[in-house]
PDB file of N, CA and C in Angstrom:
ATOM      1  N   MET A   1      69.830   8.057  37.123  1.00  0.00           N
ATOM      2  CA  MET A   1      70.621   8.679  36.079  1.00  0.00           C
ATOM      3  C   MET A   1      69.283   8.112  34.975  1.00  0.00           C
ATOM      4  N   ARG A   2      68.840   9.027  34.079  1.00  0.00           N
ATOM      5  CA  ARG A   2      67.867   8.842  33.147  1.00  0.00           C
ATOM      6  C   ARG A   2      68.841   8.888  31.839  1.00  0.00           C
ATOM      7  N   VAL A   3      68.300   7.600  31.003  1.00  0.00           N
ATOM      8  CA  VAL A   3      68.882   7.221  29.730  1.00  0.00           C
ATOM      9  C   VAL A   3      67.851   6.976  28.879  1.00  0.00           C
ATOM     10  N   SER A   4      67.819   7.527  27.420  1.00  0.00           N
ATOM     11  CA  SER A   4      67.177   7.447  26.393  1.00  0.00           C
ATOM     12  C   SER A   4      67.669   6.236  25.537  1.00  0.00           C
ATOM     13  N   VAL A   5      66.971   5.264  25.186  1.00  0.00           N
ATOM     14  CA  VAL A   5      67.687   4.298  24.381  1.00  0.00           C
ATOM     15  C   VAL A   5      66.813   4.090  23.117  1.00  0.00           C
ATOM     16  N   LEU A   6      67.550   4.291  21.963  1.00  0.00           N
ATOM     17  CA  LEU A   6      66.936   4.393  20.854  1.00  0.00           C
ATOM     18  C   LEU A   6      66.665   2.962  20.502  1.00  0.00           C
ATOM     19  N   LEU A   7      65.506   2.868  19.408  1.00  0.00           N
ATOM     20  CA  LEU A   7      65.353   1.505  19.018  1.00  0.00           C
ATOM     21  C   LEU A   7      65.004   1.431  17.529  1.00  0.00           C
ATOM     22  N   PHE A   8      64.845   0.356  16.835  1.00  0.00           N
ATOM     23  CA  PHE A   8      64.965   0.433  15.637  1.00  0.00           C
ATOM     24  C   PHE A   8      64.223  -0.967  15.224  1.00  0.00           C
ATOM     25  N   GLY A   9      63.375  -0.764  13.970  1.00  0.00           N
ATOM     26  CA  GLY A   9      62.964  -2.022  13.388  1.00  0.00           C
ATOM     27  C   GLY A   9      61.875  -2.663  14.169  1.00  0.00           C
ATOM     28  N   PRO A  10      62.133  -4.011  14.243  1.00  0.00           N
ATOM     29  CA  PRO A  10      61.204  -4.794  15.099  1.00  0.00           C
ATOM     30  C   PRO A  10      60.958  -4.716  16.537  1.00  0.00           C
ATOM     31  N   GLN A  11      62.335  -4.023  17.221  1.00  0.00           N
ATOM     32  CA  GLN A  11      62.133  -4.070  18.575  1.00  0.00           C
ATOM     33  C   GLN A  11      61.429  -2.409  18.782  1.00  0.00           C
ATOM     34  N   ALA A  12      61.430  -1.365  17.757  1.00  0.00           N
ATOM     35  CA  ALA A  12      60.837  -0.365  17.953  1.00  0.00           C
ATOM     36  C   ALA A  12      59.078  -0.490  17.992  1.00  0.00           C
ATOM     37  N   THR A  13      58.815  -1.542  17.061  1.00  0.00           N
ATOM     38  CA  THR A  13      57.420  -2.099  16.989  1.00  0.00           C
ATOM     39  C   THR A  13      57.123  -2.697  18.038  1.00  0.00           C
ATOM     40  N   LEU A  14      57.840  -3.442  18.680  1.00  0.00           N
ATOM     41  CA  LEU A  14      57.264  -4.312  20.008  1.00  0.00           C
ATOM     42  C   LEU A  14      57.142  -3.334  20.926  1.00  0.00           C
ATOM     43  N   ALA A  15      58.220  -2.417  21.156  1.00  0.00           N
ATOM     44  CA  ALA A  15      57.933  -1.306  22.211  1.00  0.00           C
ATOM     45  C   ALA A  15      56.825  -0.290  22.028  1.00  0.00           C
ATOM     46  N   GLY A  16      56.503  -0.002  20.797  1.00  0.00           N
ATOM     47  CA  GLY A  16      55.399   0.767  20.345  1.00  0.00           C
ATOM     48  C   GLY A  16      56.056   2.221  20.301  1.00  0.00           C
ATOM     49  N   ALA A  17      57.564   2.460  20.242  1.00  0.00           N
ATOM     50  CA  ALA A  17      58.195   3.645  20.498  1.00  0.00           C
ATOM     51  C   ALA A  17      59.346   3.538  19.574  1.00  0.00           C
ATOM     52  N   ARG A  18      60.077   4.816  19.105  1.00  0.00           N
ATOM     53  CA  ARG A  18      61.260   4.593  18.372  1.00  0.00           C
ATOM     54  C   ARG A  18      62.496   4.797  19.785  1.00  0.00           C
ATOM     55  N   SER A  19      62.105   5.001  20.795  1.00  0.00           N
ATOM     56  CA  SER A  19      63.021   5.033  22.039  1.00  0.00           C
ATOM     57  C   SER A  19      62.316   4.868  23.250  1.00  0.00           C
ATOM     58  N   VAL A  20      63.327   4.245  24.264  1.00  0.00           N
ATOM     59  CA  VAL A  20      62.409   4.223  25.797  1.00  0.00           C
ATOM     60  C   VAL A  20      63.481   4.677  26.662  1.00  0.00           C
ATOM     61  N   ASP A  21      62.950   5.677  27.486  1.00  0.00           N
ATOM     62  CA  ASP A  21      63.759   6.198  28.498  1.00  0.00           C
ATOM     63  C   ASP A  21      63.710   5.539  29.770  1.00  0.00           C
ATOM     64  N   VAL A  22      64.760   4.998  30.219  1.00  0.00           N
ATOM     65  CA  VAL A  22      64.908   4.187  31.584  1.00  0.00           C
ATOM     66  C   VAL A  22      65.758   5.035  32.562  1.00  0.00           C
ATOM     67  N   ASP A  23      65.309   4.617  34.195  1.00  0.00           N
ATOM     68  CA  ASP A  23      66.015   5.424  34.967  1.00  0.00           C
ATOM     69  C   ASP A  23      66.815   4.381  35.667  1.00  0.00           C
ATOM     70  N   VAL A  24      68.137   4.722  35.745  1.00  0.00           N
ATOM     71  CA  VAL A  24      68.968   3.839  36.530  1.00  0.00           C
ATOM     72  C   VAL A  24      69.575   4.042  37.786  1.00  0.00           C
ATOM     73  N   ALA A  25      69.679   3.549  38.743  1.00  0.00           N
ATOM     74  CA  ALA A  25      69.819   4.214  40.310  1.00  0.00           C
ATOM     75  C   ALA A  25      71.431   4.367  40.154  1.00  0.00           C
ATOM     76  N   ALA A  26      72.210   3.510  39.636  1.00  0.00           N
ATOM     77  CA  ALA A  26      73.746   3.798  39.757  1.00  0.00           C
ATOM     78  C   ALA A  26      74.057   4.976  39.132  1.00  0.00           C
ATOM     79  N   GLU A  27      75.272   5.696  39.661  1.00  0.00           N
ATOM     80  CA  GLU A  27      75.727   6.962  39.267  1.00  0.00           C
ATOM     81  C   GLU A  27      76.431   6.810  38.056  1.00  0.00           C
ATOM     82  N   SER A  28      77.184   5.851  38.071  1.00  0.00           N
ATOM     83  CA  SER A  28      77.775   5.743  36.554  1.00  0.00           C
ATOM     84  C   SER A  28      77.461   4.101  36.158  1.00  0.00           C
ATOM     85  N   PRO A  29      76.268   4.064  35.473  1.00  0.00           N
ATOM     86  CA  PRO A  29      75.743   2.849  34.913  1.00  0.00           C
ATOM     87  C   PRO A  29      76.500   2.082  33.801  1.00  0.00           C
ATOM     88  N   THR A  30      76.473   0.907  33.887  1.00  0.00           N
ATOM     89  CA  THR A  30      77.013   0.069  32.683  1.00  0.00           C
ATOM     90  C   THR A  30      76.086  -0.345  31.860  1.00  0.00           C
ATOM     91  N   ALA A  31      76.442  -1.015  30.464  1.00  0.00           N
ATOM     92  CA  ALA A  31      75.775  -1.210  29.290  1.00  0.00           C
ATOM     93  C   ALA A  31      74.774  -2.323  30.117  1.00  0.00           C
ATOM     94  N   ASN A  32      75.220  -3.165  30.920  1.00  0.00           N
ATOM     95  CA  ASN A  32      74.236  -4.258  31.673  1.00  0.00           C
ATOM     96  C   ASN A  32      73.224  -3.600  32.349  1.00  0.00           C
ATOM     97  N   ASP A  33      73.527  -2.606  33.184  1.00  0.00           N
ATOM     98  CA  ASP A  33      72.589  -1.916  34.025  1.00  0.00           C
ATOM     99  C   ASP A  33      71.519  -1.084  33.059  1.00  0.00           C
ATOM    100  N   ILE A  34      71.715  -0.834  31.970  1.00  0.00           N
ATOM    101  CA  ILE A  34      70.855  -0.280  30.932  1.00  0.00           C
ATOM    102  C   ILE A  34      69.915  -1.483  30.320  1.00  0.00           C
ATOM    103  N   LEU A  35      70.581  -2.429  30.014  1.00  0.00           N
ATOM    104  CA  LEU A  35      69.751  -3.770  29.739  1.00  0.00           C
ATOM    105  C   LEU A  35      68.800  -4.256  30.779  1.00  0.00           C
ATOM    106  N   ALA A  36      69.166  -4.242  31.876  1.00  0.00           N
ATOM    107  CA  ALA A  36      68.367  -4.604  32.916  1.00  0.00           C
ATOM    108  C   ALA A  36      67.268  -3.576  33.214  1.00  0.00           C
ATOM    109  N   ALA A  37      67.347  -2.469  33.057  1.00  0.00           N
ATOM    110  CA  ALA A  37      66.415  -1.220  33.334  1.00  0.00           C
ATOM    111  C   ALA A  37      65.625  -1.268  32.039  1.00  0.00           C
ATOM    112  N   LEU A  38      65.959  -1.831  30.643  1.00  0.00           N
ATOM    113  CA  LEU A  38      65.089  -1.787  29.678  1.00  0.00           C
ATOM    114  C   LEU A  38      64.001  -3.095  29.990  1.00  0.00           C
ATOM    115  N   ARG A  39      64.387  -4.367  30.389  1.00  0.00           N
ATOM    116  CA  ARG A  39      63.745  -5.223  30.872  1.00  0.00           C
ATOM    117  C   ARG A  39      62.370  -4.915  31.551  1.00  0.00           C
ATOM    118  N   GLU A  40      62.688  -3.802  32.601  1.00  0.00           N
ATOM    119  CA  GLU A  40      61.837  -3.417  33.614  1.00  0.00           C
ATOM    120  C   GLU A  40      60.873  -2.450  32.678  1.00  0.00           C
ATOM    121  N   ALA A  41      61.477  -1.375  32.070  1.00  0.00           N
ATOM    122  CA  ALA A  41      60.712  -0.172  31.463  1.00  0.00           C
ATOM    123  C   ALA A  41      59.872  -0.788  30.258  1.00  0.00           C
ATOM    124  N   SER A  42      60.286  -1.990  29.550  1.00  0.00           N
ATOM    125  CA  SER A  42      59.448  -2.404  28.398  1.00  0.00           C
ATOM    126  C   SER A  42      59.469  -3.704  28.446  1.00  0.00           C
ATOM    127  N   PRO A  43      58.512  -4.382  28.920  1.00  0.00           N
ATOM    128  CA  PRO A  43      58.523  -5.822  29.060  1.00  0.00           C
ATOM    129  C   PRO A  43      58.537  -6.493  27.631  1.00  0.00           C
ATOM    130  N   ALA A  44      57.770  -5.922  26.647  1.00  0.00           N
ATOM    131  CA  ALA A  44      57.574  -6.502  25.262  1.00  0.00           C
ATOM    132  C   ALA A  44      59.135  -6.692  24.621  1.00  0.00           C
ATOM    133  N   LEU A  45      60.235  -6.137  25.087  1.00  0.00           N
ATOM    134  CA  LEU A  45      61.391  -6.361  24.448  1.00  0.00           C
ATOM    135  C   LEU A  45      62.264  -7.379  25.356  1.00  0.00           C
ATOM    136  N   THR A  46      61.785  -7.893  26.009  1.00  0.00           N
ATOM    137  CA  THR A  46      62.242  -8.892  26.949  1.00  0.00           C
ATOM    138  C   THR A  46      63.039 -10.043  26.060  1.00  0.00           C
ATOM    139  N   GLY A  47      62.185 -10.629  25.221  1.00  0.00           N
ATOM    140  CA  GLY A  47      62.424 -11.980  24.459  1.00  0.00           C
ATOM    141  C   GLY A  47      63.402 -11.481  23.454  1.00  0.00           C
ATOM    142  N   SER A  48      63.703 -10.320  23.187  1.00  0.00           N
ATOM    143  CA  SER A  48      64.574  -9.850  22.083  1.00  0.00           C
ATOM    144  C   SER A  48      66.072  -9.352  22.539  1.00  0.00           C
ATOM    145  N   LEU A  49      65.938  -9.155  23.867  1.00  0.00           N
ATOM    146  CA  LEU A  49      67.354  -8.529  24.391  1.00  0.00           C
ATOM    147  C   LEU A  49      68.367  -9.597  24.426  1.00  0.00           C
ATOM    148  N   ALA A  50      68.179 -10.882  24.515  1.00  0.00           N
ATOM    149  CA  ALA A  50      69.352 -11.804  24.688  1.00  0.00           C
ATOM    150  C   ALA A  50      69.830 -11.920  23.343  1.00  0.00           C
ATOM    151  N   MET A  51      69.208 -11.562  22.172  1.00  0.00           N
ATOM    152  CA  MET A  51      69.835 -11.516  20.877  1.00  0.00           C
ATOM    153  C   MET A  51      70.277 -10.174  20.398  1.00  0.00           C
ATOM    154  N   SER A  52      70.366  -9.220  21.393  1.00  0.00           N
ATOM    155  CA  SER A  52      70.446  -7.685  20.822  1.00  0.00           C
ATOM    156  C   SER A  52      71.962  -7.236  21.657  1.00  0.00           C
ATOM    157  N   ARG A  53      72.492  -6.228  20.966  1.00  0.00           N
ATOM    158  CA  ARG A  53      73.691  -5.487  21.926  1.00  0.00           C
ATOM    159  C   ARG A  53      73.286  -4.010  21.826  1.00  0.00           C
ATOM    160  N   LEU A  54      74.024  -3.445  22.912  1.00  0.00           N
ATOM    161  CA  LEU A  54      73.782  -1.990  22.952  1.00  0.00           C
ATOM    162  C   LEU A  54      74.911  -1.290  22.159  1.00  0.00           C
ATOM    163  N   ALA A  55      74.578  -0.116  21.485  1.00  0.00           N
ATOM    164  CA  ALA A  55      75.783   0.642  21.043  1.00  0.00           C
ATOM    165  C   ALA A  55      75.816   1.732  21.549  1.00  0.00           C
ATOM    166  N   VAL A  56      77.014   2.488  22.023  1.00  0.00           N
ATOM    167  CA  VAL A  56      77.098   3.581  22.720  1.00  0.00           C
ATOM    168  C   VAL A  56      78.041   4.638  21.754  1.00  0.00           C
ATOM    169  N   ASN A  57      77.516   5.583  21.428  1.00  0.00           N
ATOM    170  CA  ASN A  57      78.296   6.731  20.491  1.00  0.00           C
ATOM    171  C   ASN A  57      78.752   5.776  19.357  1.00  0.00           C
ATOM    172  N   HIS A  58      77.724   5.196  18.928  1.00  0.00           N
ATOM    173  CA  HIS A  58      77.974   4.361  17.400  1.00  0.00           C
ATOM    174  C   HIS A  58      78.979   3.455  17.524  1.00  0.00           C
ATOM    175  N   GLU A  59      79.389   2.716  18.573  1.00  0.00           N
ATOM    176  CA  GLU A  59      80.030   1.659  18.820  1.00  0.00           C
ATOM    177  C   GLU A  59      79.574   0.597  19.640  1.00  0.00           C
ATOM    178  N   PHE A  60      79.672  -0.754  19.318  1.00  0.00           N
ATOM    179  CA  PHE A  60      79.005  -1.830  20.137  1.00  0.00           C
ATOM    180  C   PHE A  60      79.681  -1.705  21.317  1.00  0.00           C
ATOM    181  N   ALA A  61      78.969  -1.968  22.573  1.00  0.00           N
ATOM    182  CA  ALA A  61      79.438  -1.566  23.928  1.00  0.00           C
ATOM    183  C   ALA A  61      79.658  -3.108  24.689  1.00  0.00           C
ATOM    184  N   ALA A  62      80.611  -3.009  25.259  1.00  0.00           N
ATOM    185  CA  ALA A  62      80.915  -4.257  26.388  1.00  0.00           C
ATOM    186  C   ALA A  62      80.041  -4.295  27.490  1.00  0.00           C
ATOM    187  N   PRO A  63      79.585  -4.962  28.060  1.00  0.00           N
ATOM    188  CA  PRO A  63      78.562  -5.215  29.216  1.00  0.00           C
ATOM    189  C   PRO A  63      79.185  -4.197  30.410  1.00  0.00           C
ATOM    190  N   ASP A  64      80.381  -4.132  30.721  1.00  0.00           N
ATOM    191  CA  ASP A  64      81.072  -3.357  31.572  1.00  0.00           C
ATOM    192  C   ASP A  64      81.203  -1.679  31.242  1.00  0.00           C
ATOM    193  N   ARG A  65      80.902  -1.477  29.996  1.00  0.00           N
ATOM    194  CA  ARG A  65      81.147  -0.220  29.490  1.00  0.00           C
ATOM    195  C   ARG A  65      80.211   0.906  30.330  1.00  0.00           C
ATOM    196  N   PRO A  66      80.852   1.730  30.944  1.00  0.00           N
ATOM    197  CA  PRO A  66      80.130   2.917  31.429  1.00  0.00           C
ATOM    198  C   PRO A  66      79.463   3.780  30.567  1.00  0.00           C
ATOM    199  N   ILE A  67      78.262   4.000  30.963  1.00  0.00           N
ATOM    200  CA  ILE A  67      77.313   4.947  30.215  1.00  0.00           C
ATOM    201  C   ILE A  67      77.305   6.469  30.792  1.00  0.00           C
ATOM    202  N   GLY A  68      77.637   7.391  30.166  1.00  0.00           N
ATOM    203  CA  GLY A  68      78.005   8.857  30.810  1.00  0.00           C
ATOM    204  C   GLY A  68      76.740   9.752  30.292  1.00  0.00           C
ATOM    205  N   PRO A  69      76.424  10.626  30.924  1.00  0.00           N
ATOM    206  CA  PRO A  69      75.502  11.783  30.385  1.00  0.00           C
ATOM    207  C   PRO A  69      75.890  12.151  29.290  1.00  0.00           C
ATOM    208  N   GLY A  70      74.661  12.138  28.533  1.00  0.00           N
ATOM    209  CA  GLY A  70      75.034  12.663  27.074  1.00  0.00           C
ATOM    210  C   GLY A  70      75.399  11.678  26.017  1.00  0.00           C
ATOM    211  N   ASP A  71      75.735  10.490  26.450  1.00  0.00           N
ATOM    212  CA  ASP A  71      75.983   9.288  25.728  1.00  0.00           C
ATOM    213  C   ASP A  71      74.725   8.795  24.863  1.00  0.00           C
ATOM    214  N   GLU A  72      75.000   8.632  23.548  1.00  0.00           N
ATOM    215  CA  GLU A  72      73.831   8.267  22.607  1.00  0.00           C
ATOM    216  C   GLU A  72      73.934   6.536  22.614  1.00  0.00           C
ATOM    217  N   VAL A  73      72.798   5.989  23.365  1.00  0.00           N
ATOM    218  CA  VAL A  73      72.493   4.584  23.471  1.00  0.00           C
ATOM    219  C   VAL A  73      71.533   4.158  22.466  1.00  0.00           C
ATOM    220  N   ALA A  74      71.803   3.015  21.922  1.00  0.00           N
ATOM    221  CA  ALA A  74      70.808   2.471  20.843  1.00  0.00           C
ATOM    222  C   ALA A  74      71.032   0.828  21.117  1.00  0.00           C
ATOM    223  N   LEU A  75      69.709   0.254  21.133  1.00  0.00           N
ATOM    224  CA  LEU A  75      69.499  -0.972  21.054  1.00  0.00           C
ATOM    225  C   LEU A  75      69.692  -1.705  19.623  1.00  0.00           C
ATOM    226  N   ILE A  76      70.424  -2.582  19.397  1.00  0.00           N
ATOM    227  CA  ILE A  76      70.669  -3.107  17.978  1.00  0.00           C
ATOM    228  C   ILE A  76      70.368  -4.583  18.095  1.00  0.00           C
ATOM    229  N   GLY A  77      69.280  -4.781  17.412  1.00  0.00           N
ATOM    230  CA  GLY A  77      68.923  -6.202  17.376  1.00  0.00           C
ATOM    231  C   GLY A  77      69.557  -7.062  16.305  1.00  0.00           C
ATOM    232  N   MET A  78      69.317  -8.360  16.330  1.00  0.00           N
ATOM    233  CA  MET A  78      69.677  -9.306  15.136  1.00  0.00           C
ATOM    234  C   MET A  78      69.463  -8.847  14.059  1.00  0.00           C
ATOM    235  N   VAL A  79      70.510  -8.720  13.212  1.00  0.00           N
ATOM    236  CA  VAL A  79      69.983  -8.266  11.760  1.00  0.00           C
ATOM    237  C   VAL A  79      70.726  -9.389  10.839  1.00  0.00           C
ATOM    238  N   SER A  80      69.932  -9.558   9.536  1.00  0.00           N
ATOM    239  CA  SER A  80      70.506 -10.555   8.739  1.00  0.00           C
ATOM    240  C   SER A  80      70.518  -9.938   7.200  1.00  0.00           C
ATOM    241  N   GLY A  81      71.060 -10.743   6.216  1.00  0.00           N
ATOM    242  CA  GLY A  81      71.085 -10.163   5.005  1.00  0.00           C
ATOM    243  C   GLY A  81      72.646 -10.220   4.500  1.00  0.00           C
ATOM    244  N   GLY A  82      72.793  -9.651   3.381  1.00  0.00           N
ATOM    245  CA  GLY A  82      74.196  -9.815   2.807  1.00  0.00           C
ATOM    246  C   GLY A  82      74.353  -8.462   1.767  1.00  0.00           C
TER     247      GLY A  82
END
């Protein structure tokens, strides 16, 4: 399954793109599967992934949340401010 992961801010800069397409072998991949695929597809993001979460359809996703065709997936990095 191919999943497009949206990137923002510093992570978009690191990857040199606003999104990264990842291929996942699992028929019904989880958020963890997507993160693992991101490590392979864009090694520049590896250092920031430990401090990031995936959002699926505008909601933070648990690591075991399944990702389906047509889901919007975004990598959300650490943010600060008030």
